[in-house]
Amino acid sequence: MYNKNDTIAKMNMYGSEKIPFLFIIDFEMKTPLLFLLDEIKDEELKYNFNGQGNSVENKSLSKEIILNKFPISFEEYADKFNIVQKNIKIGNSYLLNLTAPTEIKINLSLEDIYLYSKARYKIFYKDRFVCFSPETFMKINNGKITSYPMKGTIEASVPNAEAKILNDPKETAEHYTIVDLIRNDLSIVARNIKVEKFRYIDVIKTNVKELLQVSSIISGDLEENYNNRIGDIVFALLPAGSITGAPKKKTIEIILEAEKYERGYYTGVCGIFDGINLDSCVMIRFIEQTGDKLIYKSGGGITAFSDVLSEYNELTDKVYAPID
């Protein structure tokens, strides 16, 4: 474990020497983790990022999943929501990702959840957490950097769900805001920024239902020898725009005031650099071991158009295991 500046320096050094590594960076960038790929012990850290990792087999579960949720009360959530809305009304933020912890009980271990879950990005850190994220943070492929912000969720079973979410004014405004924020973020490290695909639908399967989520694709071109400053590039984009809001700096201050708990590695990022290219995710869909309890952290974007009950329901809907 290094501090932020040491981690950036190490990542830059490994990048310049084209040494493959894995990184895990917490939301507040206080306790980043860095591992050389050839030194990772799979009994302590398992990962599968788009089929690349040290534990990529897909296992089938033969027993029924029993998942019980114990979310914070609606009244407690409403207090947090009202702090956010007060700041939105006076212009301090116009989009904020509000999250909260939910205690769960499940008849699987953290490692079981990793082994049986289906997601683009999975990571298990022994006795600490498991994450099964559908959301790419950013990719670097031969000098091209691409981000895939995900913003907007609806149950697939809702009649005309796809049309409903794509035509919803609140969801549309939220997605426009995030795309603009990510464009600005990428412009810090790249040139020729463009939106390649705007508001397309991803299907996310859970143990009880299917969710539709709305994503976009934004890209740019890095300078030559970008690998020499791979750490600078990653940290310049943090925290991720989709799990903070806009304007980013002030919105983070409001998040800390309203949430009143530590996100830790939840909504941080993790990824691998193979010596040339990089693939990474936003650490959403996240379960943490806290003492003898399992805590599932989830949330959603709040705008001036948000309804408190709908947002509370979205928070609890996102507490699931992606296991068929």
Protein backbone atom coordinates (compact mmCIF):
# COMPACT_ATOMS: atom_id res chain seq x y z
CA MET A 1 0.00 0.00 0.00
CA TYR A 2 1.34 3.41 -1.02
CA ASN A 3 0.07 6.96 -0.72
CA LYS A 4 -1.32 8.72 -3.78
CA ASN A 5 1.94 10.34 -4.93
CA ASP A 6 3.98 7.17 -4.43
CA THR A 7 1.39 5.17 -6.36
CA ILE A 8 1.48 7.60 -9.29
CA ALA A 9 5.29 7.43 -9.36
CA LYS A 10 5.27 3.61 -9.21
CA MET A 11 2.67 3.35 -11.98
CA ASN A 12 4.67 5.74 -14.17
CA MET A 13 7.83 3.71 -13.56
CA TYR A 14 6.14 0.39 -14.32
CA GLY A 15 4.52 1.95 -17.38
CA SER A 16 7.79 3.30 -18.74
CA GLU A 17 9.35 -0.15 -18.34
CA LYS A 18 6.19 -1.84 -19.73
CA ILE A 19 5.80 -3.98 -16.61
CA PRO A 20 2.24 -5.35 -16.20
CA PHE A 21 0.45 -4.41 -12.98
CA LEU A 22 -2.96 -4.29 -11.32
CA PHE A 23 -4.25 -1.28 -9.39
CA ILE A 24 -7.08 -0.73 -6.91
CA ILE A 25 -7.77 2.91 -5.99
CA ASP A 26 -10.25 3.92 -3.30
CA PHE A 27 -12.81 6.71 -3.77
CA GLU A 28 -10.85 9.32 -1.78
CA MET A 29 -7.48 8.08 -3.14
CA LYS A 30 -6.13 7.66 0.40
CA THR A 31 -5.12 3.97 0.33
CA PRO A 32 -4.41 2.85 -3.26
CA LEU A 33 -3.14 -0.69 -3.85
CA LEU A 34 -0.68 -1.76 -6.53
CA PHE A 35 0.34 -5.30 -7.51
CA LEU A 36 2.73 -6.66 -10.15
CA LEU A 37 0.69 -9.17 -12.15
CA ASP A 38 3.28 -11.95 -11.89
CA GLU A 39 3.40 -11.61 -8.09
CA ILE A 40 -0.34 -11.87 -7.38
CA LYS A 41 -1.36 -14.89 -5.28
CA ASP A 42 -4.75 -16.07 -6.49
CA GLU A 43 -5.77 -17.30 -3.04
CA GLU A 44 -5.60 -13.67 -1.87
CA LEU A 45 -6.67 -11.72 -4.97
CA LYS A 46 -8.77 -13.00 -7.85
CA TYR A 47 -9.71 -10.92 -10.87
CA ASN A 48 -11.42 -11.26 -14.22
CA PHE A 49 -11.59 -8.15 -16.39
CA ASN A 50 -13.35 -8.92 -19.67
CA GLY A 51 -11.94 -12.43 -19.66
CA GLN A 52 -8.43 -11.41 -18.71
CA GLY A 53 -7.25 -12.41 -15.26
CA ASN A 54 -6.08 -15.16 -12.93
CA SER A 55 -9.54 -16.64 -12.32
CA VAL A 56 -11.72 -16.47 -15.41
CA GLU A 57 -13.73 -19.69 -15.31
CA ASN A 58 -17.54 -19.41 -15.17
CA LYS A 59 -19.04 -21.72 -12.55
CA SER A 60 -22.68 -22.69 -12.24
CA LEU A 61 -24.43 -22.57 -8.87
CA SER A 62 -26.65 -25.53 -8.00
CA LYS A 63 -28.40 -24.07 -4.97
CA GLU A 64 -30.91 -21.27 -4.57
CA ILE A 65 -29.51 -17.89 -3.53
CA ILE A 66 -30.99 -16.47 -0.33
CA LEU A 67 -30.26 -12.73 -0.15
CA ASN A 68 -31.84 -10.63 2.60
CA LYS A 69 -31.45 -6.84 2.58
CA PHE A 70 -31.47 -4.50 5.57
CA PRO A 71 -31.28 -1.02 4.01
CA ILE A 72 -31.22 2.24 5.91
CA SER A 73 -34.68 3.60 6.63
CA PHE A 74 -36.50 5.76 4.13
CA GLU A 75 -36.38 8.62 6.66
CA GLU A 76 -32.59 8.36 7.00
CA TYR A 77 -32.19 8.30 3.24
CA ALA A 78 -34.55 11.28 2.89
CA ASP A 79 -32.35 13.31 5.23
CA LYS A 80 -29.36 12.69 2.96
CA PHE A 81 -31.44 13.37 -0.14
CA ASN A 82 -32.64 16.70 1.29
CA ILE A 83 -29.05 17.86 1.91
CA VAL A 84 -28.32 17.14 -1.75
CA GLN A 85 -31.47 18.89 -2.99
CA LYS A 86 -30.73 21.96 -0.87
CA ASN A 87 -27.32 22.26 -2.53
CA ILE A 88 -28.76 21.69 -5.99
CA LYS A 89 -31.34 24.43 -5.46
CA ILE A 90 -28.70 27.00 -4.53
CA GLY A 91 -26.51 26.01 -7.47
CA ASN A 92 -23.68 24.16 -5.71
CA SER A 93 -24.29 21.03 -7.81
CA TYR A 94 -26.57 20.00 -10.64
CA LEU A 95 -25.94 16.26 -10.49
CA LEU A 96 -24.75 14.22 -7.52
CA ASN A 97 -24.35 10.48 -7.04
CA LEU A 98 -25.78 9.70 -3.60
CA THR A 99 -24.89 6.33 -2.05
CA ALA A 100 -25.57 4.45 1.16
CA PRO A 101 -24.62 1.16 2.84
CA THR A 102 -27.05 -1.76 3.13
CA GLU A 103 -26.37 -4.69 5.43
CA ILE A 104 -27.07 -8.02 3.73
CA LYS A 105 -27.19 -11.66 4.67
CA ILE A 106 -26.49 -14.16 1.90
CA ASN A 107 -25.87 -17.91 1.87
CA LEU A 108 -22.61 -17.45 -0.06
CA SER A 109 -19.11 -16.35 0.91
CA LEU A 110 -17.43 -13.38 -0.74
CA GLU A 111 -15.32 -15.81 -2.75
CA ASP A 112 -18.42 -17.76 -3.79
CA ILE A 113 -20.02 -14.54 -5.01
CA TYR A 114 -16.93 -13.87 -7.10
CA LEU A 115 -16.80 -17.38 -8.55
CA TYR A 116 -20.48 -17.64 -9.50
CA SER A 117 -21.31 -14.07 -10.48
CA LYS A 118 -21.40 -12.92 -14.08
CA ALA A 119 -20.08 -9.45 -14.84
CA ARG A 120 -17.67 -7.69 -17.18
CA TYR A 121 -15.36 -6.94 -14.29
CA LYS A 122 -14.96 -9.06 -11.18
CA ILE A 123 -12.45 -8.78 -8.35
CA PHE A 124 -12.17 -10.55 -5.00
CA TYR A 125 -9.79 -9.31 -2.32
CA LYS A 126 -9.59 -11.85 0.48
CA ASP A 127 -11.52 -10.97 3.66
CA ARG A 128 -12.03 -7.42 2.37
CA PHE A 129 -14.47 -7.15 -0.54
CA VAL A 130 -15.89 -8.50 -3.76
CA CYS A 131 -16.93 -6.35 -6.71
CA PHE A 132 -18.86 -7.40 -9.84
CA SER A 133 -19.04 -4.25 -11.92
CA PRO A 134 -20.80 -3.70 -15.25
CA GLU A 135 -19.21 -0.27 -15.76
CA THR A 136 -15.95 0.37 -17.59
CA PHE A 137 -14.00 3.32 -16.19
CA MET A 138 -11.69 3.72 -19.15
CA LYS A 139 -9.62 1.72 -21.60
CA ILE A 140 -6.37 2.53 -23.37
CA ASN A 141 -5.72 0.66 -26.60
CA ASN A 142 -2.65 1.58 -28.64
CA GLY A 143 -2.80 5.24 -27.65
CA LYS A 144 -6.57 5.68 -27.84
CA ILE A 145 -8.34 6.34 -24.53
CA THR A 146 -12.04 5.50 -24.20
CA SER A 147 -14.53 5.99 -21.37
CA TYR A 148 -17.96 4.38 -20.99
CA PRO A 149 -20.05 6.30 -18.44
CA MET A 150 -23.14 4.43 -17.24
CA LYS A 151 -25.99 6.56 -15.93
CA GLY A 152 -29.68 5.65 -15.75
CA THR A 153 -31.31 2.43 -14.50
CA ILE A 154 -34.76 0.84 -14.88
CA GLU A 155 -36.25 -2.61 -14.34
CA ALA A 156 -36.51 -4.44 -17.65
CA SER A 157 -39.96 -5.73 -16.67
CA VAL A 158 -41.47 -2.23 -16.69
CA PRO A 159 -43.75 -1.87 -19.76
CA ASN A 160 -41.84 -0.16 -22.60
CA ALA A 161 -38.84 0.09 -20.25
CA GLU A 162 -36.29 1.05 -22.89
CA ALA A 163 -38.42 3.83 -24.38
CA LYS A 164 -39.42 5.01 -20.91
CA ILE A 165 -35.88 5.51 -19.64
CA LEU A 166 -34.56 6.96 -22.91
CA ASN A 167 -37.39 9.53 -22.96
CA ASP A 168 -37.38 10.37 -19.24
CA PRO A 169 -36.39 14.08 -18.80
CA LYS A 170 -34.60 13.48 -15.50
CA GLU A 171 -32.58 10.54 -16.84
CA THR A 172 -31.80 12.38 -20.07
CA ALA A 173 -30.53 15.49 -18.24
CA GLU A 174 -28.46 13.30 -15.92
CA HIS A 175 -26.83 11.45 -18.80
CA TYR A 176 -26.07 14.62 -20.78
CA THR A 177 -24.37 16.04 -17.68
CA ILE A 178 -22.19 12.99 -17.14
CA VAL A 179 -21.17 12.78 -20.80
CA ASP A 180 -20.15 16.44 -20.75
CA LEU A 181 -18.20 15.88 -17.51
CA ILE A 182 -16.34 12.88 -18.94
CA ARG A 183 -15.53 14.82 -22.13
CA ASN A 184 -13.98 17.52 -19.98
CA ASP A 185 -12.08 14.96 -17.88
CA LEU A 186 -10.63 13.22 -20.93
CA SER A 187 -9.56 16.57 -22.39
CA ILE A 188 -7.12 16.88 -19.44
CA VAL A 189 -5.08 13.93 -20.72
CA ALA A 190 -6.00 13.53 -24.41
CA ARG A 191 -6.89 15.40 -27.60
CA ASN A 192 -9.50 14.93 -30.35
CA ILE A 193 -12.23 14.12 -27.81
CA LYS A 194 -15.46 12.83 -29.34
CA VAL A 195 -18.67 11.06 -28.35
CA GLU A 196 -18.68 7.84 -30.40
CA LYS A 197 -22.00 6.47 -29.16
CA PHE A 198 -24.66 8.25 -27.11
CA ARG A 199 -27.19 6.65 -24.75
CA TYR A 200 -27.33 2.98 -25.65
CA ILE A 201 -28.85 0.22 -23.52
CA ASP A 202 -27.00 -2.46 -21.54
CA VAL A 203 -28.89 -5.40 -20.01
CA ILE A 204 -27.76 -6.36 -16.49
CA LYS A 205 -28.95 -9.72 -15.12
CA THR A 206 -29.43 -10.18 -11.37
CA ASN A 207 -30.51 -13.13 -9.24
CA VAL A 208 -34.12 -11.84 -9.19
CA LYS A 209 -34.60 -9.51 -12.19
CA GLU A 210 -33.07 -7.84 -15.22
CA LEU A 211 -32.06 -4.17 -15.20
CA LEU A 212 -31.56 -1.85 -18.17
CA GLN A 213 -28.75 0.68 -17.86
CA VAL A 214 -27.91 3.55 -20.19
CA SER A 215 -24.31 4.10 -21.33
CA SER A 216 -22.30 6.21 -23.78
CA ILE A 217 -18.84 5.92 -25.37
CA ILE A 218 -16.37 8.84 -25.37
CA SER A 219 -12.84 8.68 -26.77
CA GLY A 220 -9.67 10.68 -27.39
CA ASP A 221 -6.06 10.32 -28.51
CA LEU A 222 -3.13 10.19 -26.09
CA GLU A 223 0.31 11.57 -26.83
CA GLU A 224 3.14 9.24 -27.80
CA ASN A 225 4.89 7.46 -24.93
CA TYR A 226 1.72 7.73 -22.84
CA ASN A 227 2.91 4.64 -20.94
CA ASN A 228 5.58 6.81 -19.27
CA ARG A 229 2.82 8.70 -17.42
CA ILE A 230 0.20 6.03 -17.01
CA GLY A 231 -0.19 6.87 -13.31
CA ASP A 232 -0.70 10.57 -14.03
CA ILE A 233 -3.36 9.72 -16.63
CA VAL A 234 -5.35 7.45 -14.32
CA PHE A 235 -5.30 9.78 -11.31
CA ALA A 236 -6.09 12.87 -13.40
CA LEU A 237 -9.50 11.33 -14.14
CA LEU A 238 -10.34 10.49 -10.51
CA PRO A 239 -12.72 10.25 -8.82
CA ALA A 240 -14.80 8.90 -11.70
CA GLY A 241 -17.40 11.36 -12.96
CA SER A 242 -20.27 8.87 -13.05
CA ILE A 243 -20.10 8.25 -9.29
CA THR A 244 -19.47 11.84 -8.20
CA GLY A 245 -21.33 14.44 -10.27
CA ALA A 246 -20.88 17.98 -11.52
CA PRO A 247 -19.18 20.27 -10.89
CA LYS A 248 -16.92 17.57 -9.56
CA LYS A 249 -14.92 19.34 -6.81
CA LYS A 250 -17.88 20.97 -5.04
CA THR A 251 -20.06 17.90 -5.55
CA ILE A 252 -17.51 15.71 -3.75
CA GLU A 253 -17.69 18.08 -0.75
CA ILE A 254 -21.49 17.71 -0.69
CA ILE A 255 -21.21 13.91 -0.97
CA LEU A 256 -19.01 13.77 2.13
CA GLU A 257 -21.46 16.00 4.01
CA ALA A 258 -24.60 14.08 3.00
CA GLU A 259 -23.46 10.46 3.07
CA LYS A 260 -21.72 10.48 6.47
CA TYR A 261 -19.92 7.19 5.90
CA GLU A 262 -16.73 6.08 4.17
CA ARG A 263 -17.15 4.66 0.70
CA GLY A 264 -13.67 3.13 0.91
CA TYR A 265 -12.89 1.17 -2.25
CA TYR A 266 -16.53 1.33 -3.32
CA THR A 267 -16.84 3.73 -6.30
CA GLY A 268 -13.07 3.74 -6.64
CA VAL A 269 -11.51 2.14 -9.71
CA CYS A 270 -9.47 -0.96 -10.42
CA GLY A 271 -7.77 -2.22 -13.54
CA ILE A 272 -4.83 -3.86 -15.23
CA PHE A 273 -2.04 -2.50 -17.41
CA ASP A 274 -0.51 -5.22 -19.60
CA GLY A 275 2.57 -3.21 -20.59
CA ILE A 276 0.87 -1.47 -23.52
CA ASN A 277 -2.89 -1.35 -22.99
CA LEU A 278 -5.10 -0.73 -19.97
CA ASP A 279 -8.59 -1.87 -18.96
CA SER A 280 -10.36 -0.64 -15.84
CA CYS A 281 -13.74 -0.40 -14.15
CA VAL A 282 -15.65 1.74 -11.71
CA MET A 283 -16.09 -0.32 -8.54
CA ILE A 284 -19.86 -0.39 -8.29
CA ARG A 285 -21.91 -3.49 -7.32
CA PHE A 286 -19.71 -3.89 -4.28
CA ILE A 287 -19.89 -5.99 -1.09
CA GLU A 288 -17.53 -5.32 1.80
CA GLN A 289 -16.69 -7.39 4.87
CA THR A 290 -17.00 -5.18 7.96
CA GLY A 291 -16.37 -7.15 11.13
CA ASP A 292 -18.86 -10.02 11.04
CA LYS A 293 -21.23 -8.14 8.70
CA LEU A 294 -21.50 -7.91 4.93
CA ILE A 295 -22.21 -4.40 3.65
CA TYR A 296 -23.49 -3.79 0.13
CA LYS A 297 -22.93 -0.21 -1.05
CA SER A 298 -25.14 1.27 -3.76
CA GLY A 299 -26.58 4.55 -5.01
CA GLY A 300 -27.80 6.67 -7.90
CA GLY A 301 -27.68 10.08 -9.49
CA ILE A 302 -29.71 12.94 -7.99
CA THR A 303 -30.86 15.99 -9.98
CA ALA A 304 -33.41 18.73 -9.39
CA PHE A 305 -36.00 16.45 -11.03
CA SER A 306 -35.38 13.50 -8.70
CA ASP A 307 -38.13 11.93 -6.61
CA VAL A 308 -36.96 10.77 -3.18
CA LEU A 309 -39.00 7.54 -3.11
CA SER A 310 -37.91 6.53 -6.61
CA GLU A 311 -34.27 7.13 -5.70
CA TYR A 312 -34.62 5.12 -2.48
CA ASN A 313 -36.12 2.25 -4.45
CA GLU A 314 -33.29 2.43 -6.99
CA LEU A 315 -30.76 2.26 -4.15
CA THR A 316 -32.29 -1.00 -2.89
CA ASP A 317 -32.90 -2.42 -6.40
CA LYS A 318 -29.16 -2.25 -7.02
CA VAL A 319 -28.52 -4.59 -4.07
CA TYR A 320 -28.32 -7.91 -5.89
CA ALA A 321 -26.11 -10.81 -6.88
CA PRO A 322 -25.53 -11.21 -10.66
CA ILE A 323 -25.94 -14.96 -10.56
CA ASP A 324 -28.44 -16.83 -12.75
